[in-house]
Amino acid sequence: MKPVSPLTDKDYQRLSATLQRLAAQGAMSLEKMDGFFAALLCGPEALPPAACLPLVLGAAFDDDDSFTSAKSLEQFVALLGRYWQEISHTLRQGEAFHPWLEANADGVVLGNQWADGFSEGMRLFNDDWAQVFDHPALSLALAPIMALAFEHDPDPDMRPFLGEVTQAQREAWLAEITPAVGGFHAFFSAHRAALEAEYGDD
């Protein structure tokens, strides 16, 4: 994989602003996209960034008016690709992955959007991720992410954690994301290596 220049603060702002502008059409927030990309890159099979574009943009993907010009779309896709490669590089180098978590209007970091994005990425490869749910250690690592992803699910049976979540509990769950993602990446490493050997590393 070719090295890419790290995203600047301005790059992150541009990505976030574009996704916020398209939120009404179902585009992911930057936080949710970060979780989505993390699940795909630490999981059994990393889809190429271009294949993720319809999922990231929602209905905006098919809307010709979503971007002012072909060049602006091209610039957005390029930023998206660099974002993807930053996460990929971090995981491949064995460095600690730090999720992109945004504070709400009250200045509180909730993490629900990130976990929702991670859960959405997992659902693309349900059969493979079933191994994690059955793994004694990794299932425990996944539990905080699932608790955040389904914290507000309208069906109580879908919530792994019932009752009010304290700030201390939330902070503990958020702190578990970094080691969990590293553990998942290591667990699926042999699976990804076999796919890359068969199809090549894009």
N, C-alpha and C. Protein backbone atom coordinates (compact mmCIF):
# COMPACT_ATOMS: atom_id res chain seq x y z
N MET A 1 0.84 -1.19 0.00
CA MET A 1 0.00 0.00 0.00
C MET A 1 0.88 1.25 0.00
N LYS A 2 0.61 2.14 -0.90
CA LYS A 2 1.40 3.35 -1.00
C LYS A 2 1.14 4.26 0.19
N PRO A 3 2.21 4.88 0.74
CA PRO A 3 1.99 5.80 1.86
C PRO A 3 1.25 7.04 1.39
N VAL A 4 0.45 7.60 2.27
CA VAL A 4 -0.28 8.82 1.95
C VAL A 4 0.05 9.87 3.00
N SER A 5 -0.09 11.12 2.61
CA SER A 5 0.18 12.19 3.56
C SER A 5 -0.94 12.24 4.59
N PRO A 6 -0.60 12.44 5.85
CA PRO A 6 -1.62 12.48 6.90
C PRO A 6 -2.62 13.61 6.65
N LEU A 7 -3.85 13.39 7.05
CA LEU A 7 -4.86 14.44 6.92
C LEU A 7 -4.55 15.57 7.90
N THR A 8 -4.79 16.78 7.46
CA THR A 8 -4.60 17.94 8.31
C THR A 8 -5.90 18.26 9.04
N ASP A 9 -5.84 19.17 9.98
CA ASP A 9 -7.06 19.60 10.67
C ASP A 9 -8.07 20.15 9.66
N LYS A 10 -7.57 20.86 8.67
CA LYS A 10 -8.46 21.41 7.64
C LYS A 10 -9.13 20.30 6.84
N ASP A 11 -8.38 19.22 6.57
CA ASP A 11 -8.96 18.09 5.85
C ASP A 11 -10.10 17.47 6.63
N TYR A 12 -9.87 17.28 7.94
CA TYR A 12 -10.93 16.70 8.78
C TYR A 12 -12.15 17.62 8.81
N GLN A 13 -11.92 18.91 8.88
CA GLN A 13 -13.02 19.86 8.90
C GLN A 13 -13.81 19.80 7.60
N ARG A 14 -13.11 19.68 6.49
CA ARG A 14 -13.78 19.60 5.18
C ARG A 14 -14.62 18.33 5.07
N LEU A 15 -14.05 17.21 5.51
CA LEU A 15 -14.80 15.96 5.48
C LEU A 15 -16.05 16.05 6.34
N SER A 16 -15.86 16.53 7.57
CA SER A 16 -16.98 16.63 8.50
C SER A 16 -18.06 17.56 7.98
N ALA A 17 -17.66 18.69 7.44
CA ALA A 17 -18.63 19.67 6.94
C ALA A 17 -19.42 19.09 5.77
N THR A 18 -18.76 18.37 4.87
CA THR A 18 -19.45 17.78 3.73
C THR A 18 -20.46 16.73 4.20
N LEU A 19 -20.05 15.88 5.13
CA LEU A 19 -20.94 14.84 5.63
C LEU A 19 -22.12 15.45 6.38
N GLN A 20 -21.87 16.51 7.13
CA GLN A 20 -22.97 17.19 7.84
C GLN A 20 -23.96 17.80 6.85
N ARG A 21 -23.42 18.35 5.78
CA ARG A 21 -24.28 18.98 4.77
C ARG A 21 -25.19 17.94 4.11
N LEU A 22 -24.71 16.72 4.01
CA LEU A 22 -25.47 15.66 3.34
C LEU A 22 -26.21 14.75 4.33
N ALA A 23 -26.21 15.13 5.59
CA ALA A 23 -26.83 14.28 6.62
C ALA A 23 -28.31 14.05 6.37
N ALA A 24 -28.99 15.06 5.85
CA ALA A 24 -30.43 14.93 5.60
C ALA A 24 -30.73 13.85 4.57
N GLN A 25 -29.73 13.50 3.75
CA GLN A 25 -29.91 12.46 2.74
C GLN A 25 -29.37 11.11 3.21
N GLY A 26 -29.07 11.05 4.48
CA GLY A 26 -28.64 9.77 5.05
C GLY A 26 -27.15 9.55 5.10
N ALA A 27 -26.35 10.59 4.85
CA ALA A 27 -24.90 10.43 4.93
C ALA A 27 -24.47 10.22 6.38
N MET A 28 -23.44 9.43 6.56
CA MET A 28 -22.90 9.20 7.89
C MET A 28 -22.23 10.46 8.42
N SER A 29 -22.19 10.59 9.72
CA SER A 29 -21.34 11.62 10.32
C SER A 29 -19.90 11.14 10.25
N LEU A 30 -18.95 12.02 10.50
CA LEU A 30 -17.55 11.62 10.49
C LEU A 30 -17.29 10.59 11.59
N GLU A 31 -17.94 10.76 12.73
CA GLU A 31 -17.77 9.80 13.82
C GLU A 31 -18.28 8.42 13.42
N LYS A 32 -19.46 8.36 12.83
CA LYS A 32 -20.01 7.06 12.42
C LYS A 32 -19.17 6.44 11.32
N MET A 33 -18.69 7.25 10.38
CA MET A 33 -17.85 6.73 9.31
C MET A 33 -16.55 6.15 9.87
N ASP A 34 -16.01 6.78 10.88
CA ASP A 34 -14.78 6.29 11.51
C ASP A 34 -15.01 4.89 12.09
N GLY A 35 -16.13 4.71 12.77
CA GLY A 35 -16.44 3.40 13.31
C GLY A 35 -16.68 2.37 12.22
N PHE A 36 -17.37 2.79 11.16
CA PHE A 36 -17.65 1.92 10.02
C PHE A 36 -16.36 1.46 9.35
N PHE A 37 -15.47 2.39 9.07
CA PHE A 37 -14.18 2.05 8.45
C PHE A 37 -13.36 1.16 9.38
N ALA A 38 -13.38 1.44 10.68
CA ALA A 38 -12.61 0.64 11.63
C ALA A 38 -13.06 -0.81 11.61
N ALA A 39 -14.39 -1.03 11.57
CA ALA A 39 -14.90 -2.40 11.54
C ALA A 39 -14.46 -3.12 10.28
N LEU A 40 -14.50 -2.43 9.15
CA LEU A 40 -14.11 -3.08 7.89
C LEU A 40 -12.61 -3.36 7.84
N LEU A 41 -11.81 -2.47 8.39
CA LEU A 41 -10.36 -2.62 8.29
C LEU A 41 -9.78 -3.56 9.34
N CYS A 42 -10.45 -3.71 10.47
CA CYS A 42 -9.93 -4.65 11.47
C CYS A 42 -10.61 -6.00 11.33
N GLY A 43 -11.64 -6.08 10.49
CA GLY A 43 -12.41 -7.30 10.35
C GLY A 43 -11.87 -8.26 9.31
N PRO A 44 -12.70 -9.20 8.86
CA PRO A 44 -12.23 -10.28 8.00
C PRO A 44 -11.90 -9.86 6.58
N GLU A 45 -12.53 -8.78 6.09
CA GLU A 45 -12.31 -8.40 4.70
C GLU A 45 -12.52 -6.89 4.55
N ALA A 46 -11.53 -6.19 4.06
CA ALA A 46 -11.62 -4.74 3.89
C ALA A 46 -12.12 -4.41 2.49
N LEU A 47 -13.33 -3.93 2.40
CA LEU A 47 -13.83 -3.48 1.11
C LEU A 47 -13.02 -2.28 0.65
N PRO A 48 -12.82 -2.11 -0.66
CA PRO A 48 -12.13 -0.90 -1.13
C PRO A 48 -12.98 0.32 -0.82
N PRO A 49 -12.35 1.46 -0.55
CA PRO A 49 -13.10 2.67 -0.19
C PRO A 49 -14.20 3.03 -1.18
N ALA A 50 -13.95 2.82 -2.47
CA ALA A 50 -14.95 3.17 -3.48
C ALA A 50 -16.24 2.37 -3.29
N ALA A 51 -16.11 1.13 -2.82
CA ALA A 51 -17.29 0.29 -2.61
C ALA A 51 -18.10 0.76 -1.41
N CYS A 52 -17.46 1.50 -0.52
CA CYS A 52 -18.14 2.00 0.68
C CYS A 52 -18.88 3.30 0.44
N LEU A 53 -18.59 3.96 -0.67
CA LEU A 53 -19.13 5.30 -0.90
C LEU A 53 -20.66 5.36 -0.83
N PRO A 54 -21.39 4.42 -1.46
CA PRO A 54 -22.85 4.49 -1.35
C PRO A 54 -23.35 4.35 0.08
N LEU A 55 -22.64 3.56 0.89
CA LEU A 55 -23.05 3.37 2.28
C LEU A 55 -22.73 4.60 3.11
N VAL A 56 -21.64 5.26 2.81
CA VAL A 56 -21.25 6.48 3.55
C VAL A 56 -22.16 7.64 3.20
N LEU A 57 -22.52 7.79 1.93
CA LEU A 57 -23.27 8.96 1.48
C LEU A 57 -24.79 8.78 1.51
N GLY A 58 -25.27 7.55 1.59
CA GLY A 58 -26.71 7.35 1.57
C GLY A 58 -27.31 7.78 0.24
N ALA A 59 -28.48 8.41 0.30
CA ALA A 59 -29.18 8.83 -0.92
C ALA A 59 -28.39 9.89 -1.69
N ALA A 60 -27.47 10.58 -1.02
CA ALA A 60 -26.67 11.61 -1.68
C ALA A 60 -25.77 11.01 -2.76
N PHE A 61 -25.51 9.72 -2.66
CA PHE A 61 -24.63 9.07 -3.64
C PHE A 61 -25.22 9.14 -5.05
N ASP A 62 -26.54 9.03 -5.14
CA ASP A 62 -27.21 9.04 -6.45
C ASP A 62 -27.78 10.40 -6.82
N ASP A 63 -27.48 11.40 -6.02
CA ASP A 63 -28.01 12.74 -6.27
C ASP A 63 -26.94 13.59 -6.95
N ASP A 64 -27.19 13.95 -8.19
CA ASP A 64 -26.21 14.73 -8.96
C ASP A 64 -25.97 16.11 -8.37
N ASP A 65 -26.89 16.56 -7.51
CA ASP A 65 -26.75 17.90 -6.93
C ASP A 65 -26.03 17.88 -5.58
N SER A 66 -25.58 16.72 -5.15
CA SER A 66 -24.92 16.61 -3.85
C SER A 66 -23.59 17.36 -3.82
N PHE A 67 -22.93 17.41 -4.97
CA PHE A 67 -21.65 18.12 -5.07
C PHE A 67 -21.75 19.15 -6.19
N THR A 68 -21.11 20.26 -6.00
CA THR A 68 -21.24 21.37 -6.94
C THR A 68 -20.57 21.10 -8.28
N SER A 69 -19.61 20.17 -8.27
CA SER A 69 -18.90 19.87 -9.52
C SER A 69 -18.26 18.50 -9.41
N ALA A 70 -17.84 17.97 -10.54
CA ALA A 70 -17.14 16.69 -10.55
C ALA A 70 -15.84 16.79 -9.76
N LYS A 71 -15.22 17.96 -9.80
CA LYS A 71 -13.96 18.16 -9.08
C LYS A 71 -14.17 18.10 -7.57
N SER A 72 -15.26 18.71 -7.08
CA SER A 72 -15.52 18.69 -5.64
C SER A 72 -15.80 17.27 -5.16
N LEU A 73 -16.50 16.48 -5.99
CA LEU A 73 -16.72 15.08 -5.65
C LEU A 73 -15.40 14.32 -5.64
N GLU A 74 -14.57 14.59 -6.64
CA GLU A 74 -13.27 13.93 -6.72
C GLU A 74 -12.42 14.26 -5.49
N GLN A 75 -12.45 15.50 -5.04
CA GLN A 75 -11.68 15.89 -3.86
C GLN A 75 -12.20 15.20 -2.61
N PHE A 76 -13.53 15.07 -2.51
CA PHE A 76 -14.12 14.39 -1.36
C PHE A 76 -13.71 12.92 -1.35
N VAL A 77 -13.79 12.26 -2.49
CA VAL A 77 -13.43 10.85 -2.57
C VAL A 77 -11.94 10.65 -2.24
N ALA A 78 -11.11 11.59 -2.67
CA ALA A 78 -9.68 11.50 -2.37
C ALA A 78 -9.43 11.61 -0.86
N LEU A 79 -10.14 12.53 -0.21
CA LEU A 79 -10.01 12.67 1.24
C LEU A 79 -10.48 11.40 1.94
N LEU A 80 -11.58 10.85 1.45
CA LEU A 80 -12.12 9.62 2.02
C LEU A 80 -11.10 8.49 1.92
N GLY A 81 -10.45 8.39 0.76
CA GLY A 81 -9.45 7.36 0.57
C GLY A 81 -8.26 7.53 1.50
N ARG A 82 -7.84 8.76 1.71
CA ARG A 82 -6.72 9.01 2.63
C ARG A 82 -7.11 8.70 4.07
N TYR A 83 -8.35 9.00 4.42
CA TYR A 83 -8.85 8.69 5.77
C TYR A 83 -8.79 7.17 5.98
N TRP A 84 -9.29 6.45 5.00
CA TRP A 84 -9.28 4.98 5.03
C TRP A 84 -7.86 4.45 5.19
N GLN A 85 -6.95 4.99 4.42
CA GLN A 85 -5.57 4.50 4.45
C GLN A 85 -4.86 4.86 5.76
N GLU A 86 -5.24 5.96 6.37
CA GLU A 86 -4.67 6.30 7.68
C GLU A 86 -5.02 5.24 8.71
N ILE A 87 -6.29 4.84 8.73
CA ILE A 87 -6.71 3.80 9.67
C ILE A 87 -6.01 2.48 9.34
N SER A 88 -5.97 2.15 8.05
CA SER A 88 -5.33 0.91 7.63
C SER A 88 -3.86 0.88 8.04
N HIS A 89 -3.15 2.00 7.83
CA HIS A 89 -1.74 2.07 8.19
C HIS A 89 -1.55 1.90 9.70
N THR A 90 -2.39 2.55 10.48
CA THR A 90 -2.31 2.44 11.93
C THR A 90 -2.44 1.00 12.38
N LEU A 91 -3.42 0.29 11.84
CA LEU A 91 -3.66 -1.08 12.25
C LEU A 91 -2.57 -2.02 11.76
N ARG A 92 -2.13 -1.83 10.52
CA ARG A 92 -1.10 -2.71 9.97
C ARG A 92 0.24 -2.54 10.69
N GLN A 93 0.49 -1.35 11.18
CA GLN A 93 1.74 -1.10 11.90
C GLN A 93 1.67 -1.53 13.36
N GLY A 94 0.50 -1.99 13.79
CA GLY A 94 0.33 -2.41 15.18
C GLY A 94 0.24 -1.24 16.15
N GLU A 95 -0.05 -0.06 15.61
CA GLU A 95 -0.18 1.12 16.47
C GLU A 95 -1.58 1.17 17.07
N ALA A 96 -1.71 1.91 18.16
CA ALA A 96 -3.00 2.02 18.83
C ALA A 96 -3.97 2.83 17.98
N PHE A 97 -5.14 2.27 17.75
CA PHE A 97 -6.18 2.98 17.01
C PHE A 97 -6.98 3.83 18.00
N HIS A 98 -7.13 5.11 17.66
CA HIS A 98 -7.90 6.02 18.51
C HIS A 98 -9.13 6.49 17.73
N PRO A 99 -10.31 6.14 18.21
CA PRO A 99 -11.53 6.48 17.47
C PRO A 99 -11.78 7.98 17.41
N TRP A 100 -12.44 8.40 16.34
CA TRP A 100 -12.85 9.80 16.21
C TRP A 100 -14.18 9.95 16.93
N LEU A 101 -14.17 10.57 18.08
CA LEU A 101 -15.37 10.74 18.89
C LEU A 101 -15.66 12.23 19.05
N GLU A 102 -16.90 12.61 18.80
CA GLU A 102 -17.27 14.02 18.86
C GLU A 102 -18.19 14.29 20.05
N ALA A 103 -18.02 15.44 20.66
CA ALA A 103 -18.88 15.83 21.78
C ALA A 103 -20.20 16.35 21.26
N ASN A 104 -21.25 16.15 22.04
CA ASN A 104 -22.56 16.67 21.65
C ASN A 104 -22.67 18.15 22.03
N ALA A 105 -23.87 18.70 21.92
CA ALA A 105 -24.08 20.13 22.19
C ALA A 105 -23.76 20.49 23.63
N ASP A 106 -23.84 19.50 24.52
CA ASP A 106 -23.53 19.74 25.93
C ASP A 106 -22.07 19.48 26.26
N GLY A 107 -21.28 19.18 25.24
CA GLY A 107 -19.86 18.92 25.46
C GLY A 107 -19.55 17.53 25.97
N VAL A 108 -20.51 16.61 25.85
CA VAL A 108 -20.34 15.25 26.34
C VAL A 108 -20.07 14.30 25.17
N VAL A 109 -19.07 13.47 25.29
CA VAL A 109 -18.77 12.46 24.28
C VAL A 109 -19.57 11.21 24.61
N LEU A 110 -20.45 10.82 23.70
CA LEU A 110 -21.33 9.68 23.94
C LEU A 110 -20.82 8.40 23.27
N GLY A 111 -20.32 8.51 22.05
CA GLY A 111 -19.77 7.35 21.36
C GLY A 111 -20.79 6.48 20.64
N ASN A 112 -22.07 6.84 20.73
CA ASN A 112 -23.10 6.00 20.10
C ASN A 112 -22.97 5.94 18.59
N GLN A 113 -22.66 7.08 17.95
CA GLN A 113 -22.54 7.09 16.50
C GLN A 113 -21.35 6.24 16.03
N TRP A 114 -20.25 6.32 16.76
CA TRP A 114 -19.08 5.52 16.38
C TRP A 114 -19.43 4.04 16.47
N ALA A 115 -20.04 3.65 17.57
CA ALA A 115 -20.39 2.24 17.77
C ALA A 115 -21.43 1.78 16.76
N ASP A 116 -22.35 2.67 16.40
CA ASP A 116 -23.35 2.33 15.39
C ASP A 116 -22.68 2.07 14.04
N GLY A 117 -21.69 2.91 13.69
CA GLY A 117 -20.95 2.70 12.45
C GLY A 117 -20.18 1.39 12.48
N PHE A 118 -19.57 1.08 13.62
CA PHE A 118 -18.83 -0.18 13.75
C PHE A 118 -19.77 -1.36 13.58
N SER A 119 -20.93 -1.28 14.21
CA SER A 119 -21.91 -2.35 14.10
C SER A 119 -22.38 -2.52 12.65
N GLU A 120 -22.55 -1.40 11.95
CA GLU A 120 -22.97 -1.48 10.55
C GLU A 120 -21.91 -2.15 9.69
N GLY A 121 -20.64 -1.86 9.97
CA GLY A 121 -19.56 -2.53 9.25
C GLY A 121 -19.53 -4.02 9.53
N MET A 122 -19.79 -4.40 10.77
CA MET A 122 -19.82 -5.82 11.13
C MET A 122 -20.92 -6.55 10.37
N ARG A 123 -22.07 -5.91 10.22
CA ARG A 123 -23.21 -6.57 9.59
C ARG A 123 -22.95 -6.95 8.13
N LEU A 124 -22.00 -6.29 7.50
CA LEU A 124 -21.66 -6.65 6.12
C LEU A 124 -20.99 -8.02 6.04
N PHE A 125 -20.44 -8.48 7.17
CA PHE A 125 -19.76 -9.78 7.21
C PHE A 125 -20.21 -10.55 8.45
N ASN A 126 -21.52 -10.68 8.58
CA ASN A 126 -22.12 -11.28 9.77
C ASN A 126 -21.55 -12.66 10.11
N ASP A 127 -21.41 -13.50 9.12
CA ASP A 127 -20.98 -14.87 9.38
C ASP A 127 -19.58 -14.90 9.97
N ASP A 128 -18.69 -14.05 9.47
CA ASP A 128 -17.32 -14.01 9.99
C ASP A 128 -17.28 -13.44 11.40
N TRP A 129 -18.05 -12.37 11.64
CA TRP A 129 -18.05 -11.75 12.96
C TRP A 129 -18.72 -12.64 14.01
N ALA A 130 -19.48 -13.64 13.59
CA ALA A 130 -20.08 -14.57 14.54
C ALA A 130 -19.00 -15.28 15.35
N GLN A 131 -17.81 -15.44 14.74
CA GLN A 131 -16.70 -16.06 15.47
C GLN A 131 -16.30 -15.24 16.69
N VAL A 132 -16.42 -13.91 16.57
CA VAL A 132 -16.05 -13.03 17.68
C VAL A 132 -17.05 -13.16 18.81
N PHE A 133 -18.33 -13.24 18.46
CA PHE A 133 -19.35 -13.40 19.50
C PHE A 133 -19.17 -14.71 20.27
N ASP A 134 -18.60 -15.72 19.61
CA ASP A 134 -18.40 -17.01 20.25
C ASP A 134 -17.04 -17.14 20.93
N HIS A 135 -16.19 -16.12 20.76
CA HIS A 135 -14.84 -16.17 21.33
C HIS A 135 -14.88 -15.68 22.78
N PRO A 136 -14.32 -16.44 23.73
CA PRO A 136 -14.45 -16.06 25.14
C PRO A 136 -13.88 -14.69 25.50
N ALA A 137 -12.72 -14.35 24.91
CA ALA A 137 -12.09 -13.06 25.24
C ALA A 137 -12.60 -11.94 24.34
N LEU A 138 -12.68 -12.19 23.04
CA LEU A 138 -13.08 -11.13 22.11
C LEU A 138 -14.54 -10.74 22.26
N SER A 139 -15.39 -11.66 22.69
CA SER A 139 -16.79 -11.31 22.92
C SER A 139 -16.90 -10.29 24.05
N LEU A 140 -16.04 -10.42 25.04
CA LEU A 140 -16.02 -9.44 26.14
C LEU A 140 -15.52 -8.09 25.64
N ALA A 141 -14.55 -8.12 24.71
CA ALA A 141 -14.03 -6.87 24.15
C ALA A 141 -15.08 -6.17 23.30
N LEU A 142 -15.93 -6.96 22.66
CA LEU A 142 -16.96 -6.40 21.79
C LEU A 142 -18.14 -5.85 22.58
N ALA A 143 -18.35 -6.35 23.78
CA ALA A 143 -19.54 -5.99 24.57
C ALA A 143 -19.72 -4.48 24.77
N PRO A 144 -18.67 -3.71 25.12
CA PRO A 144 -18.87 -2.26 25.27
C PRO A 144 -19.31 -1.57 23.99
N ILE A 145 -18.79 -2.01 22.85
CA ILE A 145 -19.17 -1.40 21.57
C ILE A 145 -20.64 -1.70 21.28
N MET A 146 -21.06 -2.93 21.53
CA MET A 146 -22.45 -3.29 21.30
C MET A 146 -23.38 -2.55 22.27
N ALA A 147 -22.92 -2.35 23.50
CA ALA A 147 -23.73 -1.61 24.47
C ALA A 147 -23.97 -0.19 24.00
N LEU A 148 -22.95 0.44 23.43
CA LEU A 148 -23.08 1.80 22.91
C LEU A 148 -23.91 1.83 21.64
N ALA A 149 -23.73 0.83 20.78
CA ALA A 149 -24.44 0.80 19.50
C ALA A 149 -25.95 0.65 19.70
N PHE A 150 -26.34 -0.12 20.70
CA PHE A 150 -27.76 -0.42 20.89
C PHE A 150 -28.33 0.22 22.16
N GLU A 151 -27.61 1.20 22.69
CA GLU A 151 -28.04 1.84 23.94
C GLU A 151 -29.46 2.39 23.86
N HIS A 152 -29.82 2.96 22.72
CA HIS A 152 -31.13 3.60 22.58
C HIS A 152 -32.05 2.85 21.62
N ASP A 153 -31.77 1.58 21.39
CA ASP A 153 -32.63 0.80 20.50
C ASP A 153 -34.06 0.76 21.06
N PRO A 154 -35.06 1.00 20.21
CA PRO A 154 -36.44 0.99 20.71
C PRO A 154 -36.89 -0.36 21.26
N ASP A 155 -36.22 -1.43 20.84
CA ASP A 155 -36.54 -2.76 21.36
C ASP A 155 -35.62 -3.06 22.54
N PRO A 156 -36.17 -3.12 23.75
CA PRO A 156 -35.33 -3.39 24.93
C PRO A 156 -34.53 -4.68 24.83
N ASP A 157 -35.06 -5.66 24.09
CA ASP A 157 -34.36 -6.94 23.95
C ASP A 157 -33.07 -6.81 23.15
N MET A 158 -32.93 -5.70 22.42
CA MET A 158 -31.72 -5.47 21.63
C MET A 158 -30.65 -4.73 22.41
N ARG A 159 -30.97 -4.26 23.60
CA ARG A 159 -30.00 -3.50 24.39
C ARG A 159 -29.21 -4.45 25.29
N PRO A 160 -27.90 -4.57 25.05
CA PRO A 160 -27.09 -5.44 25.91
C PRO A 160 -26.99 -4.94 27.34
N PHE A 161 -27.19 -3.63 27.53
CA PHE A 161 -27.07 -3.03 28.86
C PHE A 161 -28.36 -2.29 29.15
N LEU A 162 -29.07 -2.73 30.18
CA LEU A 162 -30.32 -2.10 30.56
C LEU A 162 -30.09 -1.19 31.75
N GLY A 163 -30.84 -0.13 31.82
CA GLY A 163 -30.69 0.82 32.91
C GLY A 163 -29.94 2.05 32.47
N GLU A 164 -29.81 3.00 33.38
CA GLU A 164 -29.14 4.26 33.06
C GLU A 164 -27.63 4.07 33.02
N VAL A 165 -27.01 4.63 31.99
CA VAL A 165 -25.56 4.53 31.84
C VAL A 165 -24.91 5.74 32.52
N THR A 166 -24.09 5.48 33.50
CA THR A 166 -23.40 6.57 34.18
C THR A 166 -22.27 7.08 33.31
N GLN A 167 -21.81 8.29 33.60
CA GLN A 167 -20.70 8.84 32.83
C GLN A 167 -19.44 8.01 33.02
N ALA A 168 -19.25 7.49 34.23
CA ALA A 168 -18.08 6.65 34.50
C ALA A 168 -18.14 5.37 33.68
N GLN A 169 -19.33 4.78 33.57
CA GLN A 169 -19.49 3.57 32.77
C GLN A 169 -19.23 3.85 31.30
N ARG A 170 -19.77 4.99 30.83
CA ARG A 170 -19.57 5.35 29.42
C ARG A 170 -18.09 5.56 29.12
N GLU A 171 -17.40 6.26 29.98
CA GLU A 171 -15.98 6.50 29.77
C GLU A 171 -15.19 5.20 29.76
N ALA A 172 -15.60 4.25 30.60
CA ALA A 172 -14.94 2.95 30.62
C ALA A 172 -15.17 2.21 29.31
N TRP A 173 -16.40 2.28 28.80
CA TRP A 173 -16.69 1.64 27.52
C TRP A 173 -15.87 2.27 26.40
N LEU A 174 -15.82 3.59 26.38
CA LEU A 174 -15.08 4.28 25.32
C LEU A 174 -13.59 3.94 25.37
N ALA A 175 -13.07 3.78 26.57
CA ALA A 175 -11.65 3.44 26.73
C ALA A 175 -11.34 2.05 26.20
N GLU A 176 -12.35 1.19 26.13
CA GLU A 176 -12.14 -0.18 25.67
C GLU A 176 -12.10 -0.30 24.15
N ILE A 177 -12.48 0.77 23.45
CA ILE A 177 -12.51 0.69 21.98
C ILE A 177 -11.12 0.43 21.40
N THR A 178 -10.13 1.16 21.89
CA THR A 178 -8.78 1.04 21.33
C THR A 178 -8.23 -0.38 21.42
N PRO A 179 -8.19 -1.00 22.60
CA PRO A 179 -7.67 -2.38 22.64
C PRO A 179 -8.55 -3.37 21.90
N ALA A 180 -9.87 -3.11 21.88
CA ALA A 180 -10.77 -4.04 21.19
C ALA A 180 -10.48 -4.07 19.69
N VAL A 181 -10.34 -2.91 19.08
CA VAL A 181 -10.08 -2.85 17.64
C VAL A 181 -8.75 -3.54 17.31
N GLY A 182 -7.74 -3.32 18.13
CA GLY A 182 -6.46 -4.00 17.92
C GLY A 182 -6.59 -5.51 18.03
N GLY A 183 -7.40 -5.96 18.98
CA GLY A 183 -7.60 -7.39 19.15
C GLY A 183 -8.34 -8.02 17.97
N PHE A 184 -9.35 -7.32 17.46
CA PHE A 184 -10.09 -7.84 16.31
C PHE A 184 -9.18 -7.91 15.08
N HIS A 185 -8.36 -6.88 14.91
CA HIS A 185 -7.46 -6.85 13.76
C HIS A 185 -6.49 -8.03 13.80
N ALA A 186 -5.97 -8.32 14.97
CA ALA A 186 -5.05 -9.45 15.11
C ALA A 186 -5.78 -10.77 14.88
N PHE A 187 -7.00 -10.88 15.37
CA PHE A 187 -7.78 -12.11 15.24
C PHE A 187 -8.05 -12.46 13.78
N PHE A 188 -8.38 -11.45 12.98
CA PHE A 188 -8.73 -11.70 11.58
C PHE A 188 -7.54 -11.59 10.63
N SER A 189 -6.34 -11.44 11.16
CA SER A 189 -5.17 -11.20 10.31
C SER A 189 -4.93 -12.34 9.33
N ALA A 190 -5.08 -13.58 9.78
CA ALA A 190 -4.83 -14.72 8.89
C ALA A 190 -5.87 -14.77 7.76
N HIS A 191 -7.11 -14.43 8.10
CA HIS A 191 -8.18 -14.42 7.10
C HIS A 191 -7.89 -13.36 6.03
N ARG A 192 -7.49 -12.17 6.46
CA ARG A 192 -7.19 -11.10 5.49
C ARG A 192 -5.98 -11.45 4.65
N ALA A 193 -4.97 -12.06 5.26
CA ALA A 193 -3.76 -12.42 4.53
C ALA A 193 -4.07 -13.43 3.43
N ALA A 194 -4.96 -14.36 3.72
CA ALA A 194 -5.33 -15.36 2.72
C ALA A 194 -6.06 -14.71 1.55
N LEU A 195 -6.95 -13.76 1.85
CA LEU A 195 -7.67 -13.07 0.79
C LEU A 195 -6.72 -12.21 -0.06
N GLU A 196 -5.78 -11.54 0.59
CA GLU A 196 -4.83 -10.69 -0.13
C GLU A 196 -3.92 -11.53 -1.01
N ALA A 197 -3.55 -12.72 -0.54
CA ALA A 197 -2.71 -13.60 -1.34
C ALA A 197 -3.46 -14.10 -2.57
N GLU A 198 -4.77 -14.27 -2.42
CA GLU A 198 -5.58 -14.79 -3.53
C GLU A 198 -5.95 -13.71 -4.53
N TYR A 199 -6.31 -12.54 -4.01
CA TYR A 199 -6.83 -11.50 -4.90
C TYR A 199 -5.91 -10.30 -5.04
N GLY A 200 -4.87 -10.20 -4.22
CA GLY A 200 -4.00 -9.04 -4.25
C GLY A 200 -4.45 -8.01 -3.25
N ASP A 201 -3.52 -7.16 -2.80
CA ASP A 201 -3.79 -6.12 -1.82
C ASP A 201 -4.05 -4.82 -2.53
N ASP A 202 -5.33 -4.35 -2.53
CA ASP A 202 -5.67 -3.09 -3.19
C ASP A 202 -5.41 -1.92 -2.30
